[in-house]
Amino acid sequence: MSWLVTGGAGYIGSHVVRSLSAAGLEPVVVDSMSSGVHGFVPEQVPFYQLNILQTEKLVEIMKRHEVTGVIHLAGYKYAGESVKHPLLAFE
């Protein structure tokens, strides 16, 4: 049983990943790396550099790791950027 953490290479996501691991759960990280840091993801945690809009690959990963649940933290958090690039934020 594993948990998919989207945005798991970000600041908050990496703390969630570490907390899941500490609780004996198996996190799997998907992150596009648009603002994440690969070094934030513990070495033993499966990591996939992937945009969550790549649904076929995302489903494949979920099946491969028998994902039980998803903690969705992928997204743009900068209000100013969403004003400058509204379609990117909408996507």
C-alpha atoms as a PDB file:
ATOM      1  CA  MET A   1       0.000   0.000   0.000  1.00  0.00           C
ATOM      2  CA  SER A   2       1.497   3.333  -1.030  1.00  0.00           C
ATOM      3  CA  TRP A   3       0.527   6.980  -1.183  1.00  0.00           C
ATOM      4  CA  LEU A   4       1.146   9.202  -4.195  1.00  0.00           C
ATOM      5  CA  VAL A   5       2.340  12.699  -3.294  1.00  0.00           C
ATOM      6  CA  THR A   6       2.042  15.121  -6.189  1.00  0.00           C
ATOM      7  CA  GLY A   7       4.406  18.039  -5.712  1.00  0.00           C
ATOM      8  CA  GLY A   8       6.437  15.872  -3.346  1.00  0.00           C
ATOM      9  CA  ALA A   9       9.714  17.611  -4.227  1.00  0.00           C
ATOM     10  CA  GLY A  10       8.448  20.956  -2.982  1.00  0.00           C
ATOM     11  CA  TYR A  11       8.927  22.353   0.501  1.00  0.00           C
ATOM     12  CA  ILE A  12       5.588  21.213   1.941  1.00  0.00           C
ATOM     13  CA  GLY A  13       5.422  18.055  -0.162  1.00  0.00           C
ATOM     14  CA  SER A  14       8.832  16.880   0.998  1.00  0.00           C
ATOM     15  CA  HIS A  15       7.765  17.218   4.638  1.00  0.00           C
ATOM     16  CA  VAL A  16       4.623  15.203   3.910  1.00  0.00           C
ATOM     17  CA  VAL A  17       6.774  12.527   2.225  1.00  0.00           C
ATOM     18  CA  ARG A  18       9.071  12.332   5.256  1.00  0.00           C
ATOM     19  CA  SER A  19       6.088  12.132   7.617  1.00  0.00           C
ATOM     20  CA  LEU A  20       4.540   9.295   5.602  1.00  0.00           C
ATOM     21  CA  SER A  21       7.844   7.420   5.653  1.00  0.00           C
ATOM     22  CA  ALA A  22       8.220   7.955   9.403  1.00  0.00           C
ATOM     23  CA  ALA A  23       4.719   6.529   9.907  1.00  0.00           C
ATOM     24  CA  GLY A  24       5.689   3.364   8.037  1.00  0.00           C
ATOM     25  CA  LEU A  25       3.746   4.243   4.905  1.00  0.00           C
ATOM     26  CA  GLU A  26       5.231   4.098   1.409  1.00  0.00           C
ATOM     27  CA  PRO A  27       5.199   7.444  -0.415  1.00  0.00           C
ATOM     28  CA  VAL A  28       5.691   7.749  -4.161  1.00  0.00           C
ATOM     29  CA  VAL A  29       6.556  11.213  -5.494  1.00  0.00           C
ATOM     30  CA  VAL A  30       5.468  12.800  -8.759  1.00  0.00           C
ATOM     31  CA  ASP A  31       6.743  16.310  -9.428  1.00  0.00           C
ATOM     32  CA  SER A  32       7.243  18.300 -12.624  1.00  0.00           C
ATOM     33  CA  MET A  33      10.247  20.023 -11.015  1.00  0.00           C
ATOM     34  CA  SER A  34       8.989  23.434 -12.122  1.00  0.00           C
ATOM     35  CA  SER A  35       9.829  24.635  -8.610  1.00  0.00           C
ATOM     36  CA  GLY A  36      10.688  21.433  -6.724  1.00  0.00           C
ATOM     37  CA  VAL A  37      14.124  20.300  -5.591  1.00  0.00           C
ATOM     38  CA  HIS A  38      15.105  16.696  -6.273  1.00  0.00           C
ATOM     39  CA  GLY A  39      17.341  16.706  -3.201  1.00  0.00           C
ATOM     40  CA  PHE A  40      14.257  17.202  -0.990  1.00  0.00           C
ATOM     41  CA  VAL A  41      13.046  13.683  -1.863  1.00  0.00           C
ATOM     42  CA  PRO A  42      14.631  10.922   0.270  1.00  0.00           C
ATOM     43  CA  GLU A  43      16.712   8.493  -1.804  1.00  0.00           C
ATOM     44  CA  GLN A  44      14.624   5.441  -0.909  1.00  0.00           C
ATOM     45  CA  VAL A  45      11.371   7.047  -2.133  1.00  0.00           C
ATOM     46  CA  PRO A  46      10.348   6.336  -5.750  1.00  0.00           C
ATOM     47  CA  PHE A  47      10.458   9.600  -7.687  1.00  0.00           C
ATOM     48  CA  TYR A  48       8.990  10.418 -11.111  1.00  0.00           C
ATOM     49  CA  GLN A  49       9.555  13.707 -12.891  1.00  0.00           C
ATOM     50  CA  LEU A  50       6.182  14.110 -14.505  1.00  0.00           C
ATOM     51  CA  ASN A  51       3.491  16.705 -15.067  1.00  0.00           C
ATOM     52  CA  ILE A  52       0.265  15.493 -13.464  1.00  0.00           C
ATOM     53  CA  LEU A  53      -1.560  16.296 -16.707  1.00  0.00           C
ATOM     54  CA  GLN A  54       0.222  13.309 -18.267  1.00  0.00           C
ATOM     55  CA  THR A  55      -2.627  11.118 -17.077  1.00  0.00           C
ATOM     56  CA  GLU A  56      -1.720   7.874 -18.858  1.00  0.00           C
ATOM     57  CA  LYS A  57       1.743   7.837 -17.274  1.00  0.00           C
ATOM     58  CA  LEU A  58       0.284   8.884 -13.932  1.00  0.00           C
ATOM     59  CA  VAL A  59      -2.188   5.985 -13.986  1.00  0.00           C
ATOM     60  CA  GLU A  60       0.649   3.600 -14.910  1.00  0.00           C
ATOM     61  CA  ILE A  61       2.683   4.780 -11.910  1.00  0.00           C
ATOM     62  CA  MET A  62      -0.321   4.419  -9.626  1.00  0.00           C
ATOM     63  CA  LYS A  63      -0.916   0.862 -10.799  1.00  0.00           C
ATOM     64  CA  ARG A  64       2.783  -0.066 -10.573  1.00  0.00           C
ATOM     65  CA  HIS A  65       2.971   1.066  -6.948  1.00  0.00           C
ATOM     66  CA  GLU A  66      -0.557  -0.039  -5.963  1.00  0.00           C
ATOM     67  CA  VAL A  67      -1.406   3.455  -4.785  1.00  0.00           C
ATOM     68  CA  THR A  68      -4.073   3.585  -2.098  1.00  0.00           C
ATOM     69  CA  GLY A  69      -4.473   7.351  -1.892  1.00  0.00           C
ATOM     70  CA  VAL A  70      -3.243  10.640  -3.269  1.00  0.00           C
ATOM     71  CA  ILE A  71      -2.065  13.728  -1.436  1.00  0.00           C
ATOM     72  CA  HIS A  72      -2.262  16.474  -4.039  1.00  0.00           C
ATOM     73  CA  LEU A  73       0.205  19.299  -3.423  1.00  0.00           C
ATOM     74  CA  ALA A  74       1.185  20.072  -7.016  1.00  0.00           C
ATOM     75  CA  GLY A  75       0.263  23.559  -8.081  1.00  0.00           C
ATOM     76  CA  TYR A  76       1.469  27.085  -8.498  1.00  0.00           C
ATOM     77  CA  LYS A  77       1.317  29.071  -5.276  1.00  0.00           C
ATOM     78  CA  TYR A  78       2.494  32.474  -6.428  1.00  0.00           C
ATOM     79  CA  ALA A  79      -0.401  34.908  -6.772  1.00  0.00           C
ATOM     80  CA  GLY A  80       1.623  37.343  -8.877  1.00  0.00           C
ATOM     81  CA  GLU A  81       2.532  34.622 -11.362  1.00  0.00           C
ATOM     82  CA  SER A  82      -1.108  33.606 -11.762  1.00  0.00           C
ATOM     83  CA  VAL A  83      -1.928  37.182 -12.749  1.00  0.00           C
ATOM     84  CA  LYS A  84       0.947  37.314 -15.241  1.00  0.00           C
ATOM     85  CA  HIS A  85       0.225  33.847 -16.664  1.00  0.00           C
ATOM     86  CA  PRO A  86      -3.440  33.063 -15.954  1.00  0.00           C
ATOM     87  CA  LEU A  87      -3.702  30.174 -18.422  1.00  0.00           C
ATOM     88  CA  LEU A  88      -0.775  28.392 -16.795  1.00  0.00           C
ATOM     89  CA  ALA A  89      -2.419  28.731 -13.385  1.00  0.00           C
ATOM     90  CA  PHE A  90      -5.753  27.583 -14.810  1.00  0.00           C
ATOM     91  CA  GLU A  91      -4.176  24.512 -16.410  1.00  0.00           C
END
